[in-house]
């Protein structure tokens, strides 16, 4: 699969929730091999910011990609100021993405791990599997991407403050609604992924976890984004996996969280 650096164009941008932005990008090259669960790296115009920012792909369309991201620093703050017609330097697609399994699916996501679930749910439906339950964890009532996900599956919500759905976390919502599945797909903060990992392994459910980590090169060369693995990595000969290169999606049995 080829990785391309491309000067793309911003099609549109809007703020979905406080500090959370949705951007559609026109791309002729990077989009060609893109699949669910992958990410792109975006370069800043500010020359002082040398490293690109990795952002997951939310949706894939003909000659266009959608990203949904939260402003957390100078790079993403710069991106939030872009508007239609602006050039945007992107590199990708990066990472391995989710593999689609047969049977009923349980998608579990929290925070900025929610955006990849949109393209994933679309891909699962396109594969002919329409029995999809989606559990989403939010901080509060700012439930971004909820409408898109409700159109793709049965959605269950958990909020930290109890303002919408189950009060608590995604595992509380899973227990409250007695959910199970043939396959689990999950993306979000590490404590959530650890709970999902334990749940999936305990019940013998095929579970894929998309890990979040700060990255530098995005192609596996710098070893800045490693996670602990159960087997030795052939590249480093230690029990590490490179999230950007070997992941970001791993089987639950592969990694130690």
C-alpha atoms as a PDB file:
ATOM      1  CA  UNK A   1       0.000   0.000   0.000  1.00  0.00           C
ATOM      2  CA  UNK A   2       1.542   3.290  -1.096  1.00  0.00           C
ATOM      3  CA  UNK A   3       1.910   6.295   1.173  1.00  0.00           C
ATOM      4  CA  UNK A   4       1.676   9.686  -0.508  1.00  0.00           C
ATOM      5  CA  UNK A   5       2.519  13.225   0.563  1.00  0.00           C
ATOM      6  CA  UNK A   6      -0.003  15.484  -1.114  1.00  0.00           C
ATOM      7  CA  UNK A   7      -1.006  19.117  -1.123  1.00  0.00           C
ATOM      8  CA  UNK A   8      -4.758  18.739  -0.688  1.00  0.00           C
ATOM      9  CA  UNK A   9      -7.564  21.300  -0.334  1.00  0.00           C
ATOM     10  CA  UNK A  10      -9.987  21.991   2.477  1.00  0.00           C
ATOM     11  CA  UNK A  11     -13.568  21.507   1.267  1.00  0.00           C
ATOM     12  CA  UNK A  12     -15.350  22.591   4.454  1.00  0.00           C
ATOM     13  CA  UNK A  13     -14.914  22.834   8.209  1.00  0.00           C
ATOM     14  CA  UNK A  14     -17.309  23.179  11.148  1.00  0.00           C
ATOM     15  CA  UNK A  15     -17.150  23.003  14.932  1.00  0.00           C
ATOM     16  CA  UNK A  16     -19.200  20.028  16.171  1.00  0.00           C
ATOM     17  CA  UNK A  17     -18.709  20.566  19.894  1.00  0.00           C
ATOM     18  CA  UNK A  18     -16.534  22.721  22.094  1.00  0.00           C
ATOM     19  CA  UNK A  19     -13.046  22.399  20.583  1.00  0.00           C
ATOM     20  CA  UNK A  20     -14.054  19.501  18.295  1.00  0.00           C
ATOM     21  CA  UNK A  21     -13.876  20.188  14.548  1.00  0.00           C
ATOM     22  CA  UNK A  22     -14.963  18.311  11.432  1.00  0.00           C
ATOM     23  CA  UNK A  23     -13.006  18.925   8.224  1.00  0.00           C
ATOM     24  CA  UNK A  24     -13.594  17.518   4.744  1.00  0.00           C
ATOM     25  CA  UNK A  25     -10.451  17.414   2.597  1.00  0.00           C
ATOM     26  CA  UNK A  26     -10.285  17.067  -1.188  1.00  0.00           C
ATOM     27  CA  UNK A  27      -7.564  14.548  -2.092  1.00  0.00           C
ATOM     28  CA  UNK A  28      -6.810  12.725  -5.327  1.00  0.00           C
ATOM     29  CA  UNK A  29      -3.989  10.492  -4.090  1.00  0.00           C
ATOM     30  CA  UNK A  30      -4.063   9.773  -0.345  1.00  0.00           C
ATOM     31  CA  UNK A  31      -7.715   8.735  -0.517  1.00  0.00           C
ATOM     32  CA  UNK A  32      -7.057   5.974  -3.069  1.00  0.00           C
ATOM     33  CA  UNK A  33      -5.859   3.294  -0.622  1.00  0.00           C
ATOM     34  CA  UNK A  34      -7.518   4.624   2.537  1.00  0.00           C
ATOM     35  CA  UNK A  35      -9.542   2.205   4.665  1.00  0.00           C
ATOM     36  CA  UNK A  36     -11.420   2.154   7.957  1.00  0.00           C
ATOM     37  CA  UNK A  37      -9.245   2.641  11.034  1.00  0.00           C
ATOM     38  CA  UNK A  38      -6.295   4.261   9.275  1.00  0.00           C
ATOM     39  CA  UNK A  39      -4.978   7.788   9.882  1.00  0.00           C
ATOM     40  CA  UNK A  40      -3.237  10.597   8.048  1.00  0.00           C
ATOM     41  CA  UNK A  41      -0.467  12.951   9.125  1.00  0.00           C
ATOM     42  CA  UNK A  42      -1.057  16.665   8.595  1.00  0.00           C
ATOM     43  CA  UNK A  43       1.750  19.209   8.327  1.00  0.00           C
ATOM     44  CA  UNK A  44       1.552  22.657   9.876  1.00  0.00           C
ATOM     45  CA  UNK A  45       2.253  25.838   7.934  1.00  0.00           C
ATOM     46  CA  UNK A  46       4.147  27.122  10.963  1.00  0.00           C
ATOM     47  CA  UNK A  47       7.774  26.243  10.195  1.00  0.00           C
ATOM     48  CA  UNK A  48       8.543  25.963  13.901  1.00  0.00           C
ATOM     49  CA  UNK A  49       6.299  22.900  14.094  1.00  0.00           C
ATOM     50  CA  UNK A  50       8.327  20.348  12.146  1.00  0.00           C
ATOM     51  CA  UNK A  51       6.435  17.170  12.985  1.00  0.00           C
ATOM     52  CA  UNK A  52       3.084  16.391  11.360  1.00  0.00           C
ATOM     53  CA  UNK A  53       0.021  15.710  13.506  1.00  0.00           C
ATOM     54  CA  UNK A  54      -1.575  12.243  13.198  1.00  0.00           C
ATOM     55  CA  UNK A  55      -5.379  12.358  12.910  1.00  0.00           C
ATOM     56  CA  UNK A  56      -7.659   9.385  12.334  1.00  0.00           C
ATOM     57  CA  UNK A  57      -9.870   9.118   9.278  1.00  0.00           C
ATOM     58  CA  UNK A  58     -13.552   9.583  10.088  1.00  0.00           C
ATOM     59  CA  UNK A  59     -15.082   9.068   6.630  1.00  0.00           C
ATOM     60  CA  UNK A  60     -13.913   8.188   3.140  1.00  0.00           C
ATOM     61  CA  UNK A  61     -15.696   9.446   0.030  1.00  0.00           C
ATOM     62  CA  UNK A  62     -14.862   9.788  -3.656  1.00  0.00           C
ATOM     63  CA  UNK A  63     -11.747  11.999  -3.764  1.00  0.00           C
ATOM     64  CA  UNK A  64     -12.358  13.216  -0.213  1.00  0.00           C
ATOM     65  CA  UNK A  65     -11.532  12.355   3.395  1.00  0.00           C
ATOM     66  CA  UNK A  66     -13.177  13.578   6.573  1.00  0.00           C
ATOM     67  CA  UNK A  67     -11.294  14.080   9.807  1.00  0.00           C
ATOM     68  CA  UNK A  68     -12.807  14.957  13.174  1.00  0.00           C
ATOM     69  CA  UNK A  69     -10.315  16.152  15.768  1.00  0.00           C
ATOM     70  CA  UNK A  70     -10.063  17.967  19.085  1.00  0.00           C
ATOM     71  CA  UNK A  71      -7.902  21.075  19.512  1.00  0.00           C
ATOM     72  CA  UNK A  72      -5.230  20.080  22.015  1.00  0.00           C
ATOM     73  CA  UNK A  73      -2.190  22.156  21.027  1.00  0.00           C
ATOM     74  CA  UNK A  74      -0.674  24.572  18.568  1.00  0.00           C
ATOM     75  CA  UNK A  75      -0.911  22.270  15.551  1.00  0.00           C
ATOM     76  CA  UNK A  76      -4.581  21.406  15.860  1.00  0.00           C
ATOM     77  CA  UNK A  77      -5.337  25.020  16.788  1.00  0.00           C
ATOM     78  CA  UNK A  78      -3.808  26.032  13.445  1.00  0.00           C
ATOM     79  CA  UNK A  79      -5.903  23.429  11.592  1.00  0.00           C
ATOM     80  CA  UNK A  80      -9.078  24.749  13.240  1.00  0.00           C
ATOM     81  CA  UNK A  81      -8.522  28.114  11.515  1.00  0.00           C
ATOM     82  CA  UNK A  82      -8.514  26.590   8.005  1.00  0.00           C
ATOM     83  CA  UNK A  83     -11.458  27.259   5.726  1.00  0.00           C
ATOM     84  CA  UNK A  84     -12.733  26.101   2.324  1.00  0.00           C
ATOM     85  CA  UNK A  85     -10.128  26.469  -0.415  1.00  0.00           C
ATOM     86  CA  UNK A  86      -7.073  26.479   1.858  1.00  0.00           C
ATOM     87  CA  UNK A  87      -4.162  24.187   1.006  1.00  0.00           C
ATOM     88  CA  UNK A  88      -3.434  21.428   3.515  1.00  0.00           C
ATOM     89  CA  UNK A  89      -0.360  19.188   3.366  1.00  0.00           C
ATOM     90  CA  UNK A  90      -1.205  15.562   4.190  1.00  0.00           C
ATOM     91  CA  UNK A  91       0.656  12.244   4.213  1.00  0.00           C
ATOM     92  CA  UNK A  92      -0.910   8.801   4.163  1.00  0.00           C
ATOM     93  CA  UNK A  93      -2.820   6.651   4.440  1.00  0.00           C
ATOM     94  CA  UNK A  94      -0.979   5.319   7.501  1.00  0.00           C
ATOM     95  CA  UNK A  95      -1.470   2.319   9.779  1.00  0.00           C
ATOM     96  CA  UNK A  96      -3.165  -1.004   9.252  1.00  0.00           C
ATOM     97  CA  UNK A  97      -6.843  -0.248   9.916  1.00  0.00           C
ATOM     98  CA  UNK A  98      -9.603  -2.567  11.147  1.00  0.00           C
ATOM     99  CA  UNK A  99     -10.298  -5.965   9.578  1.00  0.00           C
ATOM    100  CA  UNK A 100     -13.986  -6.691   9.021  1.00  0.00           C
ATOM    101  CA  UNK A 101     -15.305  -9.946  10.510  1.00  0.00           C
ATOM    102  CA  UNK A 102     -18.581 -11.742   9.903  1.00  0.00           C
ATOM    103  CA  UNK A 103     -21.345 -11.846  12.505  1.00  0.00           C
ATOM    104  CA  UNK A 104     -22.829  -9.236  14.795  1.00  0.00           C
ATOM    105  CA  UNK A 105     -20.548  -6.367  15.724  1.00  0.00           C
ATOM    106  CA  UNK A 106     -20.038  -4.284  18.849  1.00  0.00           C
ATOM    107  CA  UNK A 107     -18.257  -0.960  18.311  1.00  0.00           C
ATOM    108  CA  UNK A 108     -16.974   0.702  21.484  1.00  0.00           C
ATOM    109  CA  UNK A 109     -15.472   4.191  21.466  1.00  0.00           C
ATOM    110  CA  UNK A 110     -14.769   7.111  23.725  1.00  0.00           C
ATOM    111  CA  UNK A 111     -13.716  10.714  23.257  1.00  0.00           C
ATOM    112  CA  UNK A 112     -11.722  11.386  20.116  1.00  0.00           C
ATOM    113  CA  UNK A 113     -11.747   7.625  19.453  1.00  0.00           C
ATOM    114  CA  UNK A 114     -15.334   8.071  18.241  1.00  0.00           C
ATOM    115  CA  UNK A 115     -14.623   9.457  14.712  1.00  0.00           C
ATOM    116  CA  UNK A 116     -13.090   6.252  13.236  1.00  0.00           C
ATOM    117  CA  UNK A 117     -16.285   4.389  14.147  1.00  0.00           C
ATOM    118  CA  UNK A 118     -18.209   6.173  11.372  1.00  0.00           C
ATOM    119  CA  UNK A 119     -16.232   4.728   8.460  1.00  0.00           C
ATOM    120  CA  UNK A 120     -15.883   1.421  10.299  1.00  0.00           C
ATOM    121  CA  UNK A 121     -19.657   1.055  10.720  1.00  0.00           C
ATOM    122  CA  UNK A 122     -20.155   1.981   7.062  1.00  0.00           C
ATOM    123  CA  UNK A 123     -17.628  -0.667   6.002  1.00  0.00           C
ATOM    124  CA  UNK A 124     -19.255  -3.343   8.176  1.00  0.00           C
ATOM    125  CA  UNK A 125     -22.647  -2.588   6.618  1.00  0.00           C
ATOM    126  CA  UNK A 126     -21.170  -2.634   3.113  1.00  0.00           C
ATOM    127  CA  UNK A 127     -19.788  -6.094   3.898  1.00  0.00           C
ATOM    128  CA  UNK A 128     -23.362  -7.245   4.505  1.00  0.00           C
ATOM    129  CA  UNK A 129     -23.320  -7.268   8.310  1.00  0.00           C
ATOM    130  CA  UNK A 130     -26.160  -5.064   9.546  1.00  0.00           C
ATOM    131  CA  UNK A 131     -26.360  -6.278  13.170  1.00  0.00           C
ATOM    132  CA  UNK A 132     -24.310  -3.459  14.664  1.00  0.00           C
ATOM    133  CA  UNK A 133     -24.392  -2.116  18.222  1.00  0.00           C
ATOM    134  CA  UNK A 134     -22.373   1.030  18.937  1.00  0.00           C
ATOM    135  CA  UNK A 135     -21.473   2.135  22.470  1.00  0.00           C
ATOM    136  CA  UNK A 136     -20.097   5.652  22.778  1.00  0.00           C
ATOM    137  CA  UNK A 137     -18.624   7.396  25.791  1.00  0.00           C
ATOM    138  CA  UNK A 138     -18.850  11.189  26.066  1.00  0.00           C
ATOM    139  CA  UNK A 139     -17.868  13.654  28.760  1.00  0.00           C
ATOM    140  CA  UNK A 140     -21.259  15.344  28.737  1.00  0.00           C
ATOM    141  CA  UNK A 141     -24.249  16.208  26.529  1.00  0.00           C
ATOM    142  CA  UNK A 142     -22.053  17.451  23.635  1.00  0.00           C
ATOM    143  CA  UNK A 143     -22.619  14.252  21.654  1.00  0.00           C
ATOM    144  CA  UNK A 144     -20.719  14.910  18.420  1.00  0.00           C
ATOM    145  CA  UNK A 145     -21.200  12.472  15.489  1.00  0.00           C
ATOM    146  CA  UNK A 146     -24.241  10.946  17.178  1.00  0.00           C
ATOM    147  CA  UNK A 147     -26.578  11.427  14.191  1.00  0.00           C
ATOM    148  CA  UNK A 148     -24.115   9.793  11.785  1.00  0.00           C
ATOM    149  CA  UNK A 149     -23.680   6.770  14.042  1.00  0.00           C
ATOM    150  CA  UNK A 150     -27.399   6.380  14.758  1.00  0.00           C
ATOM    151  CA  UNK A 151     -27.922   5.999  11.009  1.00  0.00           C
ATOM    152  CA  UNK A 152     -25.471   3.076  10.977  1.00  0.00           C
ATOM    153  CA  UNK A 153     -26.405   0.983  14.018  1.00  0.00           C
ATOM    154  CA  UNK A 154     -28.080   0.757  17.421  1.00  0.00           C
ATOM    155  CA  UNK A 155     -26.386   3.413  19.555  1.00  0.00           C
ATOM    156  CA  UNK A 156     -25.973   3.307  23.331  1.00  0.00           C
ATOM    157  CA  UNK A 157     -24.493   6.307  25.137  1.00  0.00           C
ATOM    158  CA  UNK A 158     -22.561   6.693  28.370  1.00  0.00           C
ATOM    159  CA  UNK A 159     -21.708  10.107  29.803  1.00  0.00           C
ATOM    160  CA  UNK A 160     -19.433  10.892  32.710  1.00  0.00           C
ATOM    161  CA  UNK A 161     -21.947  13.338  34.189  1.00  0.00           C
ATOM    162  CA  UNK A 162     -25.058  11.271  33.390  1.00  0.00           C
ATOM    163  CA  UNK A 163     -26.561  14.013  31.209  1.00  0.00           C
ATOM    164  CA  UNK A 164     -27.292  11.541  28.379  1.00  0.00           C
ATOM    165  CA  UNK A 165     -27.735   7.764  28.481  1.00  0.00           C
ATOM    166  CA  UNK A 166     -25.996   5.697  31.138  1.00  0.00           C
ATOM    167  CA  UNK A 167     -24.145   7.567  33.855  1.00  0.00           C
ATOM    168  CA  UNK A 168     -20.605   6.232  33.865  1.00  0.00           C
ATOM    169  CA  UNK A 169     -18.384   4.702  31.209  1.00  0.00           C
ATOM    170  CA  UNK A 170     -18.862   2.493  28.162  1.00  0.00           C
ATOM    171  CA  UNK A 171     -18.574  -0.710  30.198  1.00  0.00           C
ATOM    172  CA  UNK A 172     -21.430   0.488  32.414  1.00  0.00           C
ATOM    173  CA  UNK A 173     -23.558   0.987  29.280  1.00  0.00           C
ATOM    174  CA  UNK A 174     -22.621  -2.480  27.974  1.00  0.00           C
ATOM    175  CA  UNK A 175     -23.647  -4.110  31.258  1.00  0.00           C
ATOM    176  CA  UNK A 176     -26.822  -2.046  31.568  1.00  0.00           C
ATOM    177  CA  UNK A 177     -27.967  -3.056  28.075  1.00  0.00           C
ATOM    178  CA  UNK A 178     -26.653  -6.649  28.286  1.00  0.00           C
ATOM    179  CA  UNK A 179     -24.696  -6.334  25.045  1.00  0.00           C
ATOM    180  CA  UNK A 180     -22.491  -8.986  23.479  1.00  0.00           C
ATOM    181  CA  UNK A 181     -21.214  -9.740  19.978  1.00  0.00           C
ATOM    182  CA  UNK A 182     -19.218 -11.992  17.684  1.00  0.00           C
ATOM    183  CA  UNK A 183     -16.666  -9.212  17.129  1.00  0.00           C
ATOM    184  CA  UNK A 184     -15.623  -6.116  19.082  1.00  0.00           C
ATOM    185  CA  UNK A 185     -13.942  -3.073  17.557  1.00  0.00           C
ATOM    186  CA  UNK A 186     -12.755  -0.330  19.894  1.00  0.00           C
ATOM    187  CA  UNK A 187     -10.925   2.997  19.856  1.00  0.00           C
ATOM    188  CA  UNK A 188     -10.350   5.469  22.655  1.00  0.00           C
ATOM    189  CA  UNK A 189      -8.264   6.250  25.732  1.00  0.00           C
ATOM    190  CA  UNK A 190      -6.072   3.505  27.172  1.00  0.00           C
ATOM    191  CA  UNK A 191      -8.063   2.888  30.412  1.00  0.00           C
ATOM    192  CA  UNK A 192     -11.168   2.260  28.294  1.00  0.00           C
ATOM    193  CA  UNK A 193      -9.276  -0.029  25.901  1.00  0.00           C
ATOM    194  CA  UNK A 194      -7.870  -2.013  28.825  1.00  0.00           C
ATOM    195  CA  UNK A 195     -11.403  -2.633  30.130  1.00  0.00           C
ATOM    196  CA  UNK A 196     -12.605  -3.617  26.643  1.00  0.00           C
ATOM    197  CA  UNK A 197      -9.582  -5.892  26.209  1.00  0.00           C
ATOM    198  CA  UNK A 198     -10.317  -7.732  29.464  1.00  0.00           C
ATOM    199  CA  UNK A 199     -14.028  -8.020  28.589  1.00  0.00           C
ATOM    200  CA  UNK A 200     -13.377  -9.388  25.108  1.00  0.00           C
ATOM    201  CA  UNK A 201     -10.753 -11.908  26.203  1.00  0.00           C
ATOM    202  CA  UNK A 202     -12.872 -13.096  29.150  1.00  0.00           C
ATOM    203  CA  UNK A 203     -15.857 -13.791  26.901  1.00  0.00           C
ATOM    204  CA  UNK A 204     -13.800 -15.185  24.020  1.00  0.00           C
ATOM    205  CA  UNK A 205     -14.925 -12.460  21.590  1.00  0.00           C
ATOM    206  CA  UNK A 206     -12.675 -11.496  18.661  1.00  0.00           C
ATOM    207  CA  UNK A 207     -11.543  -8.034  19.748  1.00  0.00           C
ATOM    208  CA  UNK A 208      -9.611  -5.366  17.842  1.00  0.00           C
ATOM    209  CA  UNK A 209      -8.220  -2.333  19.681  1.00  0.00           C
ATOM    210  CA  UNK A 210      -7.095   0.892  18.028  1.00  0.00           C
ATOM    211  CA  UNK A 211      -4.494   2.497  20.270  1.00  0.00           C
ATOM    212  CA  UNK A 212      -3.982   6.227  20.744  1.00  0.00           C
ATOM    213  CA  UNK A 213      -0.454   7.564  21.145  1.00  0.00           C
ATOM    214  CA  UNK A 214       1.582  10.670  20.373  1.00  0.00           C
ATOM    215  CA  UNK A 215       3.611  10.035  17.214  1.00  0.00           C
ATOM    216  CA  UNK A 216       6.593  11.576  15.471  1.00  0.00           C
ATOM    217  CA  UNK A 217       7.452  10.035  12.094  1.00  0.00           C
ATOM    218  CA  UNK A 218       4.221   8.049  11.573  1.00  0.00           C
ATOM    219  CA  UNK A 219       6.023   5.305   9.588  1.00  0.00           C
ATOM    220  CA  UNK A 220       7.714   3.225  12.277  1.00  0.00           C
ATOM    221  CA  UNK A 221      11.252   4.561  12.003  1.00  0.00           C
ATOM    222  CA  UNK A 222      11.651   6.623  15.171  1.00  0.00           C
ATOM    223  CA  UNK A 223      10.160   4.240  17.798  1.00  0.00           C
ATOM    224  CA  UNK A 224       8.432   7.143  19.580  1.00  0.00           C
ATOM    225  CA  UNK A 225       5.032   5.435  19.750  1.00  0.00           C
ATOM    226  CA  UNK A 226       5.683   1.919  21.025  1.00  0.00           C
ATOM    227  CA  UNK A 227       3.409  -0.193  23.203  1.00  0.00           C
ATOM    228  CA  UNK A 228       4.176  -3.368  25.142  1.00  0.00           C
ATOM    229  CA  UNK A 229       3.470  -6.575  23.257  1.00  0.00           C
ATOM    230  CA  UNK A 230       3.353 -10.228  24.251  1.00  0.00           C
ATOM    231  CA  UNK A 231       5.765 -11.258  21.509  1.00  0.00           C
ATOM    232  CA  UNK A 232       9.107  -9.774  20.488  1.00  0.00           C
ATOM    233  CA  UNK A 233       9.078  -7.271  17.635  1.00  0.00           C
ATOM    234  CA  UNK A 234      11.306  -8.407  14.742  1.00  0.00           C
ATOM    235  CA  UNK A 235      12.433  -4.792  14.212  1.00  0.00           C
ATOM    236  CA  UNK A 236      13.659  -4.131  17.766  1.00  0.00           C
ATOM    237  CA  UNK A 237      13.918  -7.668  19.229  1.00  0.00           C
ATOM    238  CA  UNK A 238      12.113  -6.502  22.359  1.00  0.00           C
ATOM    239  CA  UNK A 239       8.514  -6.845  23.507  1.00  0.00           C
ATOM    240  CA  UNK A 240       7.325  -3.718  21.752  1.00  0.00           C
ATOM    241  CA  UNK A 241       5.011  -2.889  18.862  1.00  0.00           C
ATOM    242  CA  UNK A 242       5.146   0.350  16.895  1.00  0.00           C
ATOM    243  CA  UNK A 243       1.631   1.800  17.031  1.00  0.00           C
ATOM    244  CA  UNK A 244       1.989   3.807  13.816  1.00  0.00           C
ATOM    245  CA  UNK A 245       3.508   0.961  11.770  1.00  0.00           C
ATOM    246  CA  UNK A 246       2.300  -2.302  13.342  1.00  0.00           C
ATOM    247  CA  UNK A 247      -1.003  -0.715  14.379  1.00  0.00           C
ATOM    248  CA  UNK A 248      -2.773   1.370  15.353  1.00  0.00           C
ATOM    249  CA  UNK A 249      -5.159  -1.633  15.375  1.00  0.00           C
ATOM    250  CA  UNK A 250      -4.113  -4.718  17.345  1.00  0.00           C
ATOM    251  CA  UNK A 251      -5.821  -7.910  18.420  1.00  0.00           C
ATOM    252  CA  UNK A 252      -6.617  -7.863  22.128  1.00  0.00           C
ATOM    253  CA  UNK A 253      -4.249 -10.782  22.697  1.00  0.00           C
ATOM    254  CA  UNK A 254      -1.291  -9.005  21.079  1.00  0.00           C
ATOM    255  CA  UNK A 255      -0.714  -6.074  23.421  1.00  0.00           C
ATOM    256  CA  UNK A 256      -0.225  -5.357  27.125  1.00  0.00           C
ATOM    257  CA  UNK A 257      -2.115  -2.270  28.281  1.00  0.00           C
END
